[in-house]
Amino acid sequence: MNETNIESLKHEGLVYRHFGHVQGVIKPCQVSDTEIKMPYLRQGSLSGYHSDSVDSIQRLRWLHEAAYIIHRVHERRVLVADIATRNFLLDENLSLQMCDFTESVIVSNNEDMANFVSEDFVSVKFDIARFGSMMYEVISGSRYEFYVIPEIETDLDDDPESKTFKAWPTAEHFPNTKNVFLGDIIRKCWLGDGFLTMQDVCHALDNAGQKPAALKSSGGAEMAKLNWRHLLCLASPVVTTIIFAAIIVPRLRLRLPWRTISAVLPSTRH
């Protein structure tokens, strides 16, 4: 193991120790300066679940879960940097467990977290933009990510999937998300004047899950079908009870013996 890898392991171990326990962040079995032992999650990473068999409802659940994990990480004053589908593992219940913090930055308490920018230009806004790119990949199956490095002389935007800009890019540099499920949220993650905290992103995803009108693009019909099925499941016992009371019970009363017996019993009222 070379010196660079050793330093990388030490740094990641430091981040895990700093976390203690964060819901949604994988907990190592062992952390040392030379190795980090992780539990085995046989379901693999989220990057392996980009298929037509995964509906938009499940994708929304994963993105909602991932957003809250990143939000909790930020609350521990850690910037993730490498936010990608390959770094979200799936447990037996297909819930997410975040891993790989080799590029992460622990922000000291005397720094303003909201305005902090590391020497590698990592910031809260950068994490939000990377999460927007992860959303775009999970929803559309296409990749798009960008970096902002003020030190470069000119923009490097030849690669359609990964671009580097001298200043924060404007809307015309982003893929069109108009007809993409959750496209407005993705766009606001990318825009410099869009979401400024992961809490804002979480709230937007909360609202997306609560408003069927927001699910008109791919997956909207699936969510609507699920809601109707859910309503029908809830309504079925009520409907069954009404039918039983209105139709079956009167017929039973005509046939069952207690009606005949009660008719011939003398009244006990005075």
C-alpha atoms as a PDB file:
ATOM      1  CA  MET A   1       0.000   0.000   0.000  1.00  0.00           C
ATOM      2  CA  ASN A   2       1.494   3.335  -1.036  1.00  0.00           C
ATOM      3  CA  GLU A   3       1.648   6.476   1.075  1.00  0.00           C
ATOM      4  CA  THR A   4      -1.309   8.097  -0.685  1.00  0.00           C
ATOM      5  CA  ASN A   5      -3.590   5.143   0.049  1.00  0.00           C
ATOM      6  CA  ILE A   6      -2.484   5.045   3.677  1.00  0.00           C
ATOM      7  CA  GLU A   7      -3.261   8.743   4.124  1.00  0.00           C
ATOM      8  CA  SER A   8      -6.614   8.255   2.410  1.00  0.00           C
ATOM      9  CA  LEU A   9      -7.503   5.400   4.775  1.00  0.00           C
ATOM     10  CA  LYS A  10      -6.445   7.425   7.802  1.00  0.00           C
ATOM     11  CA  HIS A  11      -8.594  10.327   6.676  1.00  0.00           C
ATOM     12  CA  GLU A  12     -11.659   8.184   6.018  1.00  0.00           C
ATOM     13  CA  GLY A  13     -11.202   6.467   9.381  1.00  0.00           C
ATOM     14  CA  LEU A  14     -11.097   9.891  11.018  1.00  0.00           C
ATOM     15  CA  VAL A  15     -14.398  10.806   9.341  1.00  0.00           C
ATOM     16  CA  TYR A  16     -16.076   7.599  10.538  1.00  0.00           C
ATOM     17  CA  ARG A  17     -14.826   8.211  14.083  1.00  0.00           C
ATOM     18  CA  HIS A  18     -16.114  11.781  13.864  1.00  0.00           C
ATOM     19  CA  PHE A  19     -19.568  10.518  12.878  1.00  0.00           C
ATOM     20  CA  GLY A  20     -20.028   8.077  15.723  1.00  0.00           C
ATOM     21  CA  HIS A  21     -23.448   6.889  14.618  1.00  0.00           C
ATOM     22  CA  VAL A  22     -25.379   8.627  11.856  1.00  0.00           C
ATOM     23  CA  GLN A  23     -28.578   7.009  10.641  1.00  0.00           C
ATOM     24  CA  GLY A  24     -28.093   5.875   7.053  1.00  0.00           C
ATOM     25  CA  VAL A  25     -24.280   5.924   7.180  1.00  0.00           C
ATOM     26  CA  ILE A  26     -22.757   2.447   7.149  1.00  0.00           C
ATOM     27  CA  LYS A  27     -21.035   1.565  10.415  1.00  0.00           C
ATOM     28  CA  PRO A  28     -17.609  -0.045   9.919  1.00  0.00           C
ATOM     29  CA  CYS A  29     -16.834  -3.267  11.757  1.00  0.00           C
ATOM     30  CA  GLN A  30     -13.309  -2.041  12.425  1.00  0.00           C
ATOM     31  CA  VAL A  31     -11.339   1.133  11.752  1.00  0.00           C
ATOM     32  CA  SER A  32      -7.548   1.404  11.892  1.00  0.00           C
ATOM     33  CA  ASP A  33      -4.799   3.348  10.132  1.00  0.00           C
ATOM     34  CA  THR A  34      -4.242   0.490   7.692  1.00  0.00           C
ATOM     35  CA  GLU A  35      -7.735  -0.858   7.029  1.00  0.00           C
ATOM     36  CA  ILE A  36     -11.445  -0.233   7.351  1.00  0.00           C
ATOM     37  CA  LYS A  37     -13.554  -3.386   7.601  1.00  0.00           C
ATOM     38  CA  MET A  38     -17.125  -3.005   6.398  1.00  0.00           C
ATOM     39  CA  PRO A  39     -20.164  -5.270   6.777  1.00  0.00           C
ATOM     40  CA  TYR A  40     -21.071  -7.144   3.614  1.00  0.00           C
ATOM     41  CA  LEU A  41     -24.268  -5.963   1.935  1.00  0.00           C
ATOM     42  CA  ARG A  42     -25.027  -8.470  -0.790  1.00  0.00           C
ATOM     43  CA  GLN A  43     -27.594  -6.267  -2.541  1.00  0.00           C
ATOM     44  CA  GLY A  44     -24.754  -4.113  -3.834  1.00  0.00           C
ATOM     45  CA  SER A  45     -24.936  -0.414  -4.628  1.00  0.00           C
ATOM     46  CA  LEU A  46     -27.667   1.821  -5.971  1.00  0.00           C
ATOM     47  CA  SER A  47     -25.757   2.102  -9.250  1.00  0.00           C
ATOM     48  CA  GLY A  48     -26.753  -1.497 -10.011  1.00  0.00           C
ATOM     49  CA  TYR A  49     -30.479  -0.750  -9.830  1.00  0.00           C
ATOM     50  CA  HIS A  50     -30.924   1.410 -12.923  1.00  0.00           C
ATOM     51  CA  SER A  51     -33.445  -0.717 -14.731  1.00  0.00           C
ATOM     52  CA  ASP A  52     -37.001  -0.531 -15.982  1.00  0.00           C
ATOM     53  CA  SER A  53     -38.052  -2.967 -13.270  1.00  0.00           C
ATOM     54  CA  VAL A  54     -37.591  -0.240 -10.632  1.00  0.00           C
ATOM     55  CA  ASP A  55     -40.603   2.073 -10.660  1.00  0.00           C
ATOM     56  CA  SER A  56     -40.555   5.793  -9.975  1.00  0.00           C
ATOM     57  CA  ILE A  57     -42.133   5.331  -6.561  1.00  0.00           C
ATOM     58  CA  GLN A  58     -39.127   3.299  -5.400  1.00  0.00           C
ATOM     59  CA  ARG A  59     -36.733   5.796  -6.991  1.00  0.00           C
ATOM     60  CA  LEU A  60     -38.423   8.633  -5.107  1.00  0.00           C
ATOM     61  CA  ARG A  61     -38.122   6.677  -1.853  1.00  0.00           C
ATOM     62  CA  TRP A  62     -34.405   6.130  -2.411  1.00  0.00           C
ATOM     63  CA  LEU A  63     -33.749   9.769  -3.290  1.00  0.00           C
ATOM     64  CA  HIS A  64     -35.794  10.949  -0.322  1.00  0.00           C
ATOM     65  CA  GLU A  65     -33.787   8.628   1.928  1.00  0.00           C
ATOM     66  CA  ALA A  66     -30.448   9.707   0.419  1.00  0.00           C
ATOM     67  CA  ALA A  67     -31.286  13.394   0.832  1.00  0.00           C
ATOM     68  CA  TYR A  68     -31.977  12.942   4.529  1.00  0.00           C
ATOM     69  CA  ILE A  69     -28.765  10.946   5.008  1.00  0.00           C
ATOM     70  CA  ILE A  70     -26.713  13.752   3.430  1.00  0.00           C
ATOM     71  CA  HIS A  71     -28.612  16.299   5.520  1.00  0.00           C
ATOM     72  CA  ARG A  72     -27.689  14.387   8.696  1.00  0.00           C
ATOM     73  CA  VAL A  73     -24.054  14.213   7.546  1.00  0.00           C
ATOM     74  CA  HIS A  74     -24.050  17.997   7.056  1.00  0.00           C
ATOM     75  CA  GLU A  75     -25.459  18.386  10.563  1.00  0.00           C
ATOM     76  CA  ARG A  76     -22.282  16.637  11.770  1.00  0.00           C
ATOM     77  CA  ARG A  77     -20.326  19.344   9.897  1.00  0.00           C
ATOM     78  CA  VAL A  78     -19.035  17.007   7.202  1.00  0.00           C
ATOM     79  CA  LEU A  79     -19.075  17.785   3.476  1.00  0.00           C
ATOM     80  CA  VAL A  80     -19.359  14.583   1.453  1.00  0.00           C
ATOM     81  CA  ALA A  81     -17.858  15.627  -1.921  1.00  0.00           C
ATOM     82  CA  ASP A  82     -18.186  12.243  -3.647  1.00  0.00           C
ATOM     83  CA  ILE A  83     -21.964  11.883  -3.808  1.00  0.00           C
ATOM     84  CA  ALA A  84     -22.761   9.139  -6.309  1.00  0.00           C
ATOM     85  CA  THR A  85     -24.979   6.085  -6.715  1.00  0.00           C
ATOM     86  CA  ARG A  86     -21.963   3.783  -6.270  1.00  0.00           C
ATOM     87  CA  ASN A  87     -21.552   5.095  -2.713  1.00  0.00           C
ATOM     88  CA  PHE A  88     -25.057   4.190  -1.559  1.00  0.00           C
ATOM     89  CA  LEU A  89     -25.330   0.519  -0.641  1.00  0.00           C
ATOM     90  CA  LEU A  90     -28.585  -1.389  -0.208  1.00  0.00           C
ATOM     91  CA  ASP A  91     -29.351  -3.478   2.859  1.00  0.00           C
ATOM     92  CA  GLU A  92     -31.696  -6.480   3.009  1.00  0.00           C
ATOM     93  CA  ASN A  93     -34.730  -4.166   3.108  1.00  0.00           C
ATOM     94  CA  LEU A  94     -33.410  -2.158   0.132  1.00  0.00           C
ATOM     95  CA  SER A  95     -32.778   0.792   2.442  1.00  0.00           C
ATOM     96  CA  LEU A  96     -29.716   2.928   1.744  1.00  0.00           C
ATOM     97  CA  GLN A  97     -26.417   2.895   3.610  1.00  0.00           C
ATOM     98  CA  MET A  98     -23.936   5.580   2.591  1.00  0.00           C
ATOM     99  CA  CYS A  99     -20.222   4.769   2.365  1.00  0.00           C
ATOM    100  CA  ASP A 100     -16.875   6.101   1.055  1.00  0.00           C
ATOM    101  CA  PHE A 101     -15.797   9.343   2.701  1.00  0.00           C
ATOM    102  CA  THR A 102     -12.241   9.457   1.365  1.00  0.00           C
ATOM    103  CA  GLU A 103     -12.826  12.898  -0.193  1.00  0.00           C
ATOM    104  CA  SER A 104     -15.005  14.267   2.595  1.00  0.00           C
ATOM    105  CA  VAL A 105     -14.154  17.366   4.595  1.00  0.00           C
ATOM    106  CA  ILE A 106     -14.741  17.897   8.317  1.00  0.00           C
ATOM    107  CA  VAL A 107     -15.586  21.573   8.821  1.00  0.00           C
ATOM    108  CA  SER A 108     -14.216  22.981  12.064  1.00  0.00           C
ATOM    109  CA  ASN A 109     -16.561  24.590  14.559  1.00  0.00           C
ATOM    110  CA  ASN A 110     -15.100  28.055  14.035  1.00  0.00           C
ATOM    111  CA  GLU A 111     -16.072  28.036  10.352  1.00  0.00           C
ATOM    112  CA  ASP A 112     -19.416  29.127   8.919  1.00  0.00           C
ATOM    113  CA  MET A 113     -20.686  25.866   7.423  1.00  0.00           C
ATOM    114  CA  ALA A 114     -23.047  27.597   4.979  1.00  0.00           C
ATOM    115  CA  ASN A 115     -20.280  29.674   3.370  1.00  0.00           C
ATOM    116  CA  PHE A 116     -17.316  27.367   3.845  1.00  0.00           C
ATOM    117  CA  VAL A 117     -15.376  26.316   0.721  1.00  0.00           C
ATOM    118  CA  SER A 118     -12.499  23.862   1.076  1.00  0.00           C
ATOM    119  CA  GLU A 119      -9.179  24.134  -0.730  1.00  0.00           C
ATOM    120  CA  ASP A 120     -10.582  21.618  -3.228  1.00  0.00           C
ATOM    121  CA  PHE A 121     -13.661  23.837  -3.684  1.00  0.00           C
ATOM    122  CA  VAL A 122     -16.000  21.511  -1.807  1.00  0.00           C
ATOM    123  CA  SER A 123     -18.963  23.243  -0.173  1.00  0.00           C
ATOM    124  CA  VAL A 124     -22.551  22.655   0.912  1.00  0.00           C
ATOM    125  CA  LYS A 125     -23.720  23.931  -2.475  1.00  0.00           C
ATOM    126  CA  PHE A 126     -21.307  21.596  -4.251  1.00  0.00           C
ATOM    127  CA  ASP A 127     -22.786  18.633  -2.335  1.00  0.00           C
ATOM    128  CA  ILE A 128     -26.285  19.762  -3.321  1.00  0.00           C
ATOM    129  CA  ALA A 129     -25.265  19.964  -6.981  1.00  0.00           C
ATOM    130  CA  ARG A 130     -23.726  16.493  -6.808  1.00  0.00           C
ATOM    131  CA  PHE A 131     -26.922  15.185  -5.269  1.00  0.00           C
ATOM    132  CA  GLY A 132     -28.848  16.774  -8.150  1.00  0.00           C
ATOM    133  CA  SER A 133     -26.613  14.850 -10.552  1.00  0.00           C
ATOM    134  CA  MET A 134     -27.270  11.642  -8.635  1.00  0.00           C
ATOM    135  CA  MET A 135     -31.007  12.310  -8.841  1.00  0.00           C
ATOM    136  CA  TYR A 136     -30.697  12.865 -12.578  1.00  0.00           C
ATOM    137  CA  GLU A 137     -28.885   9.545 -12.998  1.00  0.00           C
ATOM    138  CA  VAL A 138     -31.355   7.584 -10.851  1.00  0.00           C
ATOM    139  CA  ILE A 139     -34.384   9.041 -12.648  1.00  0.00           C
ATOM    140  CA  SER A 140     -33.204   9.274 -16.264  1.00  0.00           C
ATOM    141  CA  GLY A 141     -30.404   6.714 -16.424  1.00  0.00           C
ATOM    142  CA  SER A 142     -28.137   9.412 -17.906  1.00  0.00           C
ATOM    143  CA  ARG A 143     -25.134  10.967 -16.226  1.00  0.00           C
ATOM    144  CA  TYR A 144     -24.262  14.633 -15.834  1.00  0.00           C
ATOM    145  CA  GLU A 145     -21.967  16.197 -13.268  1.00  0.00           C
ATOM    146  CA  PHE A 146     -19.906  19.335 -13.034  1.00  0.00           C
ATOM    147  CA  TYR A 147     -17.123  20.855 -10.975  1.00  0.00           C
ATOM    148  CA  VAL A 148     -16.314  24.494 -10.312  1.00  0.00           C
ATOM    149  CA  ILE A 149     -12.602  25.333 -10.155  1.00  0.00           C
ATOM    150  CA  PRO A 150     -11.899  29.084 -10.338  1.00  0.00           C
ATOM    151  CA  GLU A 151      -8.192  28.444 -10.953  1.00  0.00           C
ATOM    152  CA  ILE A 152      -8.648  27.024 -14.466  1.00  0.00           C
ATOM    153  CA  GLU A 153      -8.169  29.360 -17.419  1.00  0.00           C
ATOM    154  CA  THR A 154     -11.212  28.280 -19.404  1.00  0.00           C
ATOM    155  CA  ASP A 155     -14.236  26.014 -19.078  1.00  0.00           C
ATOM    156  CA  LEU A 156     -13.712  22.337 -19.859  1.00  0.00           C
ATOM    157  CA  ASP A 157     -17.063  21.247 -21.244  1.00  0.00           C
ATOM    158  CA  ASP A 158     -16.247  18.870 -24.099  1.00  0.00           C
ATOM    159  CA  ASP A 159     -17.285  15.792 -22.124  1.00  0.00           C
ATOM    160  CA  PRO A 160     -21.112  15.538 -22.183  1.00  0.00           C
ATOM    161  CA  GLU A 161     -21.187  13.716 -18.822  1.00  0.00           C
ATOM    162  CA  SER A 162     -18.586  15.588 -16.766  1.00  0.00           C
ATOM    163  CA  LYS A 163     -17.745  19.264 -17.076  1.00  0.00           C
ATOM    164  CA  THR A 164     -15.503  21.710 -15.240  1.00  0.00           C
ATOM    165  CA  PHE A 165     -16.315  25.413 -15.085  1.00  0.00           C
ATOM    166  CA  LYS A 166     -14.364  28.443 -13.959  1.00  0.00           C
ATOM    167  CA  ALA A 167     -17.490  29.922 -12.347  1.00  0.00           C
ATOM    168  CA  TRP A 168     -20.782  28.401 -11.281  1.00  0.00           C
ATOM    169  CA  PRO A 169     -22.608  27.439 -14.503  1.00  0.00           C
ATOM    170  CA  THR A 170     -25.882  29.003 -15.587  1.00  0.00           C
ATOM    171  CA  ALA A 171     -29.045  27.202 -16.669  1.00  0.00           C
ATOM    172  CA  GLU A 172     -28.128  26.813 -20.346  1.00  0.00           C
ATOM    173  CA  HIS A 173     -25.237  24.511 -19.415  1.00  0.00           C
ATOM    174  CA  PHE A 174     -27.528  21.939 -17.789  1.00  0.00           C
ATOM    175  CA  PRO A 175     -29.453  19.102 -19.453  1.00  0.00           C
ATOM    176  CA  ASN A 176     -33.120  19.793 -20.115  1.00  0.00           C
ATOM    177  CA  THR A 177     -35.103  18.404 -17.176  1.00  0.00           C
ATOM    178  CA  LYS A 178     -38.510  19.770 -18.169  1.00  0.00           C
ATOM    179  CA  ASN A 179     -39.974  16.338 -18.917  1.00  0.00           C
ATOM    180  CA  VAL A 180     -37.930  14.458 -16.325  1.00  0.00           C
ATOM    181  CA  PHE A 181     -39.581  13.123 -13.176  1.00  0.00           C
ATOM    182  CA  LEU A 182     -38.588  15.496 -10.312  1.00  0.00           C
ATOM    183  CA  GLY A 183     -36.894  17.656 -12.950  1.00  0.00           C
ATOM    184  CA  ASP A 184     -37.638  20.933 -11.171  1.00  0.00           C
ATOM    185  CA  ILE A 185     -35.944  19.701  -7.993  1.00  0.00           C
ATOM    186  CA  ILE A 186     -32.921  18.467  -9.961  1.00  0.00           C
ATOM    187  CA  ARG A 187     -32.597  21.839 -11.673  1.00  0.00           C
ATOM    188  CA  LYS A 188     -32.776  23.748  -8.385  1.00  0.00           C
ATOM    189  CA  CYS A 189     -29.993  21.541  -7.025  1.00  0.00           C
ATOM    190  CA  TRP A 190     -27.793  22.597  -9.947  1.00  0.00           C
ATOM    191  CA  LEU A 191     -28.660  26.296 -10.099  1.00  0.00           C
ATOM    192  CA  GLY A 192     -26.404  28.590  -8.103  1.00  0.00           C
ATOM    193  CA  ASP A 193     -29.416  30.462  -6.714  1.00  0.00           C
ATOM    194  CA  GLY A 194     -31.462  27.288  -6.214  1.00  0.00           C
ATOM    195  CA  PHE A 195     -31.407  25.145  -3.081  1.00  0.00           C
ATOM    196  CA  LEU A 196     -28.806  26.321  -0.569  1.00  0.00           C
ATOM    197  CA  THR A 197     -29.223  23.627   2.094  1.00  0.00           C
ATOM    198  CA  MET A 198     -29.964  19.912   2.029  1.00  0.00           C
ATOM    199  CA  GLN A 199     -32.877  20.638   4.324  1.00  0.00           C
ATOM    200  CA  ASP A 200     -34.443  22.616   1.461  1.00  0.00           C
ATOM    201  CA  VAL A 201     -33.949  19.614  -0.824  1.00  0.00           C
ATOM    202  CA  CYS A 202     -35.511  17.285   1.752  1.00  0.00           C
ATOM    203  CA  HIS A 203     -38.582  19.495   2.055  1.00  0.00           C
ATOM    204  CA  ALA A 204     -38.966  19.619  -1.735  1.00  0.00           C
ATOM    205  CA  LEU A 205     -38.853  15.819  -1.920  1.00  0.00           C
ATOM    206  CA  ASP A 206     -41.317  15.602   0.982  1.00  0.00           C
ATOM    207  CA  ASN A 207     -43.740  17.743  -1.011  1.00  0.00           C
ATOM    208  CA  ALA A 208     -43.160  15.738  -4.192  1.00  0.00           C
ATOM    209  CA  GLY A 209     -44.277  12.608  -2.372  1.00  0.00           C
ATOM    210  CA  GLN A 210     -47.411  14.287  -1.021  1.00  0.00           C
ATOM    211  CA  LYS A 211     -48.705  15.985  -4.177  1.00  0.00           C
ATOM    212  CA  PRO A 212     -49.921  13.668  -6.966  1.00  0.00           C
ATOM    213  CA  ALA A 213     -49.953  16.647  -9.355  1.00  0.00           C
ATOM    214  CA  ALA A 214     -46.183  16.837  -9.030  1.00  0.00           C
ATOM    215  CA  LEU A 215     -45.862  13.299 -10.380  1.00  0.00           C
ATOM    216  CA  LYS A 216     -47.231  13.884 -13.884  1.00  0.00           C
ATOM    217  CA  SER A 217     -44.003  12.859 -15.578  1.00  0.00           C
ATOM    218  CA  SER A 218     -42.662   9.306 -15.643  1.00  0.00           C
ATOM    219  CA  GLY A 219     -43.835   7.529 -12.567  1.00  0.00           C
ATOM    220  CA  GLY A 220     -46.777   9.807 -11.901  1.00  0.00           C
ATOM    221  CA  ALA A 221     -49.245   7.258 -13.181  1.00  0.00           C
ATOM    222  CA  GLU A 222     -47.621   4.590 -11.023  1.00  0.00           C
ATOM    223  CA  MET A 223     -47.943   6.743  -7.920  1.00  0.00           C
ATOM    224  CA  ALA A 224     -51.559   7.531  -8.775  1.00  0.00           C
ATOM    225  CA  LYS A 225     -52.324   3.832  -9.269  1.00  0.00           C
ATOM    226  CA  LEU A 226     -50.728   3.060  -5.933  1.00  0.00           C
ATOM    227  CA  ASN A 227     -52.789   5.746  -4.220  1.00  0.00           C
ATOM    228  CA  TRP A 228     -56.011   4.410  -5.754  1.00  0.00           C
ATOM    229  CA  ARG A 229     -55.109   0.850  -4.787  1.00  0.00           C
ATOM    230  CA  HIS A 230     -54.393   2.054  -1.276  1.00  0.00           C
ATOM    231  CA  LEU A 231     -57.742   3.848  -1.103  1.00  0.00           C
ATOM    232  CA  LEU A 232     -59.568   0.800  -2.437  1.00  0.00           C
ATOM    233  CA  CYS A 233     -57.857  -1.400   0.137  1.00  0.00           C
ATOM    234  CA  LEU A 234     -58.959   0.973   2.864  1.00  0.00           C
ATOM    235  CA  ALA A 235     -62.463   1.241   1.446  1.00  0.00           C
ATOM    236  CA  SER A 236     -63.034  -2.470   0.844  1.00  0.00           C
ATOM    237  CA  PRO A 237     -63.864  -3.413   4.459  1.00  0.00           C
ATOM    238  CA  VAL A 238     -66.278  -0.481   4.703  1.00  0.00           C
ATOM    239  CA  VAL A 239     -68.009  -1.353   1.432  1.00  0.00           C
ATOM    240  CA  THR A 240     -68.207  -5.009   2.442  1.00  0.00           C
ATOM    241  CA  THR A 241     -69.768  -4.069   5.782  1.00  0.00           C
ATOM    242  CA  ILE A 242     -72.371  -1.859   4.096  1.00  0.00           C
ATOM    243  CA  ILE A 243     -73.307  -4.589   1.608  1.00  0.00           C
ATOM    244  CA  PHE A 244     -73.528  -7.155   4.389  1.00  0.00           C
ATOM    245  CA  ALA A 245     -75.723  -4.873   6.491  1.00  0.00           C
ATOM    246  CA  ALA A 246     -77.992  -3.839   3.625  1.00  0.00           C
ATOM    247  CA  ILE A 247     -78.499  -7.160   1.846  1.00  0.00           C
ATOM    248  CA  ILE A 248     -77.286 -10.179   3.786  1.00  0.00           C
ATOM    249  CA  VAL A 249     -78.532  -9.354   7.287  1.00  0.00           C
ATOM    250  CA  PRO A 250     -82.215  -8.803   6.301  1.00  0.00           C
ATOM    251  CA  ARG A 251     -82.209 -12.157   4.532  1.00  0.00           C
ATOM    252  CA  LEU A 252     -80.676 -13.855   7.528  1.00  0.00           C
ATOM    253  CA  ARG A 253     -83.282 -12.327   9.779  1.00  0.00           C
ATOM    254  CA  LEU A 254     -85.971 -13.902   7.640  1.00  0.00           C
ATOM    255  CA  ARG A 255     -84.402 -17.341   7.912  1.00  0.00           C
ATOM    256  CA  LEU A 256     -82.794 -17.558  11.318  1.00  0.00           C
ATOM    257  CA  PRO A 257     -84.911 -19.007  14.160  1.00  0.00           C
ATOM    258  CA  TRP A 258     -84.607 -16.175  16.667  1.00  0.00           C
ATOM    259  CA  ARG A 259     -86.985 -14.004  14.611  1.00  0.00           C
ATOM    260  CA  THR A 260     -89.701 -16.710  14.757  1.00  0.00           C
ATOM    261  CA  ILE A 261     -89.123 -17.414  18.445  1.00  0.00           C
ATOM    262  CA  SER A 262     -89.209 -13.752  19.425  1.00  0.00           C
ATOM    263  CA  ALA A 263     -92.442 -13.334  17.549  1.00  0.00           C
ATOM    264  CA  VAL A 264     -94.241 -15.893  19.708  1.00  0.00           C
ATOM    265  CA  LEU A 265     -92.701 -14.953  23.051  1.00  0.00           C
ATOM    266  CA  PRO A 266     -94.935 -12.914  25.318  1.00  0.00           C
ATOM    267  CA  SER A 267     -93.905  -9.319  25.780  1.00  0.00           C
ATOM    268  CA  THR A 268     -92.101  -8.553  29.023  1.00  0.00           C
ATOM    269  CA  ARG A 269     -92.791  -4.827  28.819  1.00  0.00           C
ATOM    270  CA  HIS A 270     -95.428  -3.238  31.057  1.00  0.00           C
END
